[in-house]
Amino acid sequence: MDKKAVLLEIYKVLYEYFGPQNWWPADTPFEVCVGAILTQGTTWKNVKKAIENLKKEHALSPEKIYKMETHHLAQIIKPSGFYNVKARRLKEFVNFLMKNYQGNLEKMFEEDTLSLRMKLLQIKGLGRETVDSILLYAGNKPIFVVDAYTYRILYRHSLIPEEITYDEFQDFFMQNLPQDLTLYKEYHALLVACAKNFCKKKKPVCEKCPLNSF
């Protein structure tokens, strides 16, 4: 079975087991962007608390965050952990958005995917996984997001080498899958679900894993 067939079969098995994941959980594209930045190094449970705090303060908008003092923003997003660092990252992103697109996400996402990706990667504190999550889930750009969960599953199934860069890993998916937005969104989310429930970092539950046959 070639790589393309294997990847599609893995997707089919996971989809049949877990069902549609409907990622990303958010009310607006801007909330997706904020969540992608805040989720670095913490659990989604903590991110939800931080986002709820922003909503209570009526501050979940580019304009409000742009005008807010960084130390005040840090206190609001405190549940997300590393809140001083993340407040600066949020401010950097919002400053970029306001300066270049007048705070208009739709206008930002009208830009060519690769060109916009390069610009976003120049924002201090935003790495490839964060930027690609913003592009895929907030901007509906067909770009595959890879993370530690994805690596763990594919490496344990001998589909990728131990040493592989983010871009090489991303290319592995994008060169062997149809360029399909829904597929990219669901596939990434399904791999996360599989890793959290079965392919755990310590004590993986291999015998019950839906990918056991692979």
Protein backbone atom coordinates (compact mmCIF):
# COMPACT_ATOMS: atom_id res chain seq x y z
CA MET A 1 0.00 0.00 0.00
CA ASP A 2 1.48 3.37 -1.00
CA LYS A 3 1.70 6.41 1.27
CA LYS A 4 -1.38 8.08 -0.16
CA ALA A 5 -3.48 4.95 0.32
CA VAL A 6 -2.19 4.48 3.88
CA LEU A 7 -2.92 8.08 4.88
CA LEU A 8 -6.43 7.93 3.43
CA GLU A 9 -7.08 4.61 5.16
CA ILE A 10 -5.93 6.01 8.50
CA TYR A 11 -8.30 8.93 8.02
CA LYS A 12 -11.18 6.60 7.15
CA VAL A 13 -10.60 4.43 10.24
CA LEU A 14 -10.32 7.41 12.59
CA TYR A 15 -13.36 9.13 11.11
CA GLU A 16 -15.47 5.99 11.47
CA TYR A 17 -14.32 5.58 15.07
CA PHE A 18 -14.46 9.17 16.38
CA GLY A 19 -16.88 10.82 13.96
CA PRO A 20 -16.60 14.46 12.79
CA GLN A 21 -14.66 16.67 15.20
CA ASN A 22 -15.91 20.03 13.89
CA TRP A 23 -12.73 21.90 14.84
CA TRP A 24 -11.97 24.70 15.73
CA PRO A 25 -14.32 25.35 18.69
CA ALA A 26 -14.90 29.13 18.43
CA ASP A 27 -17.61 31.69 17.68
CA THR A 28 -15.55 33.87 15.33
CA PRO A 29 -12.38 33.65 13.22
CA PHE A 30 -10.69 36.12 15.57
CA GLU A 31 -11.46 33.84 18.51
CA VAL A 32 -9.72 31.04 16.59
CA CYS A 33 -6.63 33.24 16.21
CA VAL A 34 -6.60 34.08 19.91
CA GLY A 35 -7.07 30.42 20.84
CA ALA A 36 -4.24 29.32 18.54
CA ILE A 37 -1.88 31.75 20.25
CA LEU A 38 -3.00 30.98 23.80
CA THR A 39 -2.94 27.19 23.42
CA GLN A 40 0.86 27.09 23.16
CA GLY A 41 2.17 25.07 26.11
CA THR A 42 -1.15 24.55 27.87
CA THR A 43 -4.41 22.58 27.74
CA TRP A 44 -7.50 23.67 25.84
CA LYS A 45 -9.38 23.71 29.17
CA ASN A 46 -7.16 26.58 30.34
CA VAL A 47 -7.47 28.39 27.02
CA LYS A 48 -11.27 28.28 27.29
CA LYS A 49 -11.08 29.97 30.69
CA ALA A 50 -8.87 32.74 29.29
CA ILE A 51 -11.17 33.29 26.31
CA GLU A 52 -14.21 33.39 28.61
CA ASN A 53 -12.43 36.08 30.62
CA LEU A 54 -11.92 38.11 27.46
CA LYS A 55 -15.60 37.75 26.60
CA LYS A 56 -16.66 38.87 30.08
CA GLU A 57 -14.50 41.98 29.62
CA HIS A 58 -16.02 42.51 26.14
CA ALA A 59 -12.43 42.48 24.92
CA LEU A 60 -12.43 39.71 22.33
CA SER A 61 -11.84 41.96 19.32
CA PRO A 62 -8.75 43.31 17.54
CA GLU A 63 -9.69 46.90 18.43
CA LYS A 64 -10.11 46.22 22.16
CA ILE A 65 -6.89 44.23 22.49
CA TYR A 66 -5.02 46.81 20.41
CA LYS A 67 -5.99 49.59 22.83
CA MET A 68 -5.49 47.53 25.99
CA GLU A 69 -2.38 47.79 28.15
CA THR A 70 -0.29 44.62 27.91
CA HIS A 71 -0.18 44.10 31.70
CA HIS A 72 -3.99 44.30 31.87
CA LEU A 73 -4.36 41.82 29.00
CA ALA A 74 -1.96 39.48 30.80
CA GLN A 75 -4.18 39.42 33.89
CA ILE A 76 -7.27 38.64 31.81
CA ILE A 77 -5.63 35.67 30.07
CA LYS A 78 -3.89 34.42 33.21
CA PRO A 79 -5.56 30.96 33.15
CA SER A 80 -3.72 30.16 29.88
CA GLY A 81 -0.34 30.10 31.62
CA PHE A 82 2.80 32.02 30.60
CA TYR A 83 0.35 34.90 30.49
CA ASN A 84 2.90 37.73 30.29
CA VAL A 85 4.56 36.14 27.26
CA LYS A 86 1.24 35.30 25.63
CA ALA A 87 -0.11 38.81 26.21
CA ARG A 88 2.87 40.18 24.28
CA ARG A 89 2.31 37.66 21.49
CA LEU A 90 -1.35 38.58 21.24
CA LYS A 91 -0.45 42.25 21.10
CA GLU A 92 2.14 41.58 18.39
CA PHE A 93 -0.45 39.73 16.30
CA VAL A 94 -3.12 42.39 16.77
CA ASN A 95 -0.64 45.20 16.03
CA PHE A 96 0.23 43.40 12.78
CA LEU A 97 -3.45 43.02 11.94
CA MET A 98 -4.29 46.66 12.69
CA LYS A 99 -1.23 48.08 10.92
CA ASN A 100 -1.54 46.05 7.72
CA TYR A 101 -5.26 45.27 7.41
CA GLN A 102 -7.01 47.86 9.61
CA GLY A 103 -7.99 45.07 11.99
CA ASN A 104 -9.95 43.29 9.26
CA LEU A 105 -9.32 39.53 9.27
CA GLU A 106 -11.30 39.00 6.06
CA LYS A 107 -9.01 41.43 4.29
CA MET A 108 -5.96 39.64 5.71
CA PHE A 109 -7.17 36.25 4.56
CA GLU A 110 -7.75 37.51 1.02
CA GLU A 111 -3.99 37.44 0.62
CA ASP A 112 -2.19 34.55 -1.04
CA THR A 113 -1.66 31.71 1.46
CA LEU A 114 2.10 31.34 1.18
CA SER A 115 2.70 35.09 1.16
CA LEU A 116 0.54 35.58 4.24
CA ARG A 117 2.15 32.60 5.97
CA MET A 118 5.60 34.15 5.53
CA LYS A 119 4.37 37.45 6.98
CA LEU A 120 2.71 35.78 9.98
CA LEU A 121 5.84 33.76 10.72
CA GLN A 122 7.73 37.04 11.10
CA ILE A 123 5.53 38.01 14.06
CA LYS A 124 7.52 37.48 17.25
CA GLY A 125 6.39 34.38 19.13
CA LEU A 126 4.30 32.81 16.37
CA GLY A 127 5.66 29.47 15.22
CA ARG A 128 4.66 27.29 12.28
CA GLU A 129 2.01 25.27 14.11
CA THR A 130 0.31 28.41 15.46
CA VAL A 131 0.40 30.21 12.11
CA ASP A 132 -0.88 27.19 10.20
CA SER A 133 -3.71 26.72 12.72
CA ILE A 134 -4.72 30.34 12.12
CA LEU A 135 -4.57 29.88 8.35
CA LEU A 136 -6.49 26.60 8.32
CA TYR A 137 -9.14 27.12 10.98
CA ALA A 138 -9.65 30.89 10.94
CA GLY A 139 -8.80 31.64 7.31
CA ASN A 140 -10.07 28.43 5.69
CA LYS A 141 -6.78 28.09 3.85
CA PRO A 142 -5.95 24.51 2.73
CA ILE A 143 -2.75 23.98 4.69
CA PHE A 144 -2.10 20.94 6.88
CA VAL A 145 -1.26 21.48 10.55
CA VAL A 146 1.18 19.06 12.16
CA ASP A 147 1.98 18.85 15.85
CA ALA A 148 3.46 16.59 18.53
CA TYR A 149 0.39 14.34 18.48
CA THR A 150 0.64 13.88 14.71
CA TYR A 151 4.34 13.10 14.94
CA ARG A 152 3.83 10.58 17.73
CA ILE A 153 1.24 8.56 15.82
CA LEU A 154 2.99 8.51 12.46
CA TYR A 155 6.43 7.82 13.92
CA ARG A 156 5.12 4.92 16.02
CA HIS A 157 3.59 3.46 12.87
CA SER A 158 6.90 3.83 10.99
CA LEU A 159 5.46 6.24 8.44
CA ILE A 160 8.03 8.98 9.07
CA PRO A 161 11.67 9.00 10.23
CA GLU A 162 12.58 10.01 13.76
CA GLU A 163 14.35 13.15 12.50
CA ILE A 164 12.03 15.25 10.38
CA THR A 165 11.47 19.01 10.14
CA TYR A 166 8.06 20.63 10.46
CA ASP A 167 8.02 21.58 6.77
CA GLU A 168 9.06 18.09 5.66
CA PHE A 169 6.37 16.57 7.84
CA GLN A 170 3.74 18.96 6.51
CA ASP A 171 4.80 18.19 2.93
CA PHE A 172 4.38 14.47 3.65
CA PHE A 173 0.67 15.06 4.19
CA MET A 174 0.09 17.71 1.55
CA GLN A 175 1.85 15.77 -1.20
CA ASN A 176 -0.03 12.56 -0.45
CA LEU A 177 -3.53 13.88 0.25
CA PRO A 178 -6.05 15.71 -1.94
CA GLN A 179 -5.98 19.47 -1.40
CA ASP A 180 -9.23 19.48 0.54
CA LEU A 181 -10.01 21.99 3.30
CA THR A 182 -12.51 19.80 5.16
CA LEU A 183 -10.18 16.80 4.97
CA TYR A 184 -7.27 18.81 6.39
CA LYS A 185 -9.37 20.15 9.27
CA GLU A 186 -10.89 16.81 10.22
CA TYR A 187 -7.70 14.79 9.76
CA HIS A 188 -5.66 16.97 12.11
CA ALA A 189 -8.44 16.96 14.72
CA LEU A 190 -8.89 13.18 14.46
CA LEU A 191 -5.16 12.57 14.99
CA VAL A 192 -5.30 14.74 18.11
CA ALA A 193 -8.29 12.75 19.38
CA CYS A 194 -6.48 9.46 18.74
CA ALA A 195 -3.31 10.64 20.48
CA LYS A 196 -5.18 11.91 23.55
CA ASN A 197 -7.28 8.77 23.93
CA PHE A 198 -4.95 6.00 22.79
CA CYS A 199 -1.52 7.00 21.47
CA LYS A 200 -0.49 8.66 24.72
CA LYS A 201 3.03 9.86 25.35
CA LYS A 202 3.38 7.47 28.26
CA LYS A 203 1.54 4.15 28.50
CA PRO A 204 -0.13 4.11 25.07
CA VAL A 205 -3.29 1.97 24.83
CA CYS A 206 -2.26 0.16 21.68
CA GLU A 207 -4.49 -2.91 21.98
CA LYS A 208 -7.68 -0.80 21.97
CA CYS A 209 -6.51 1.82 19.48
CA PRO A 210 -8.52 2.03 16.24
CA LEU A 211 -5.17 2.14 14.40
CA ASN A 212 -4.01 -1.11 15.95
CA SER A 213 -4.30 -2.91 12.61
CA PHE A 214 -1.67 -0.60 11.11
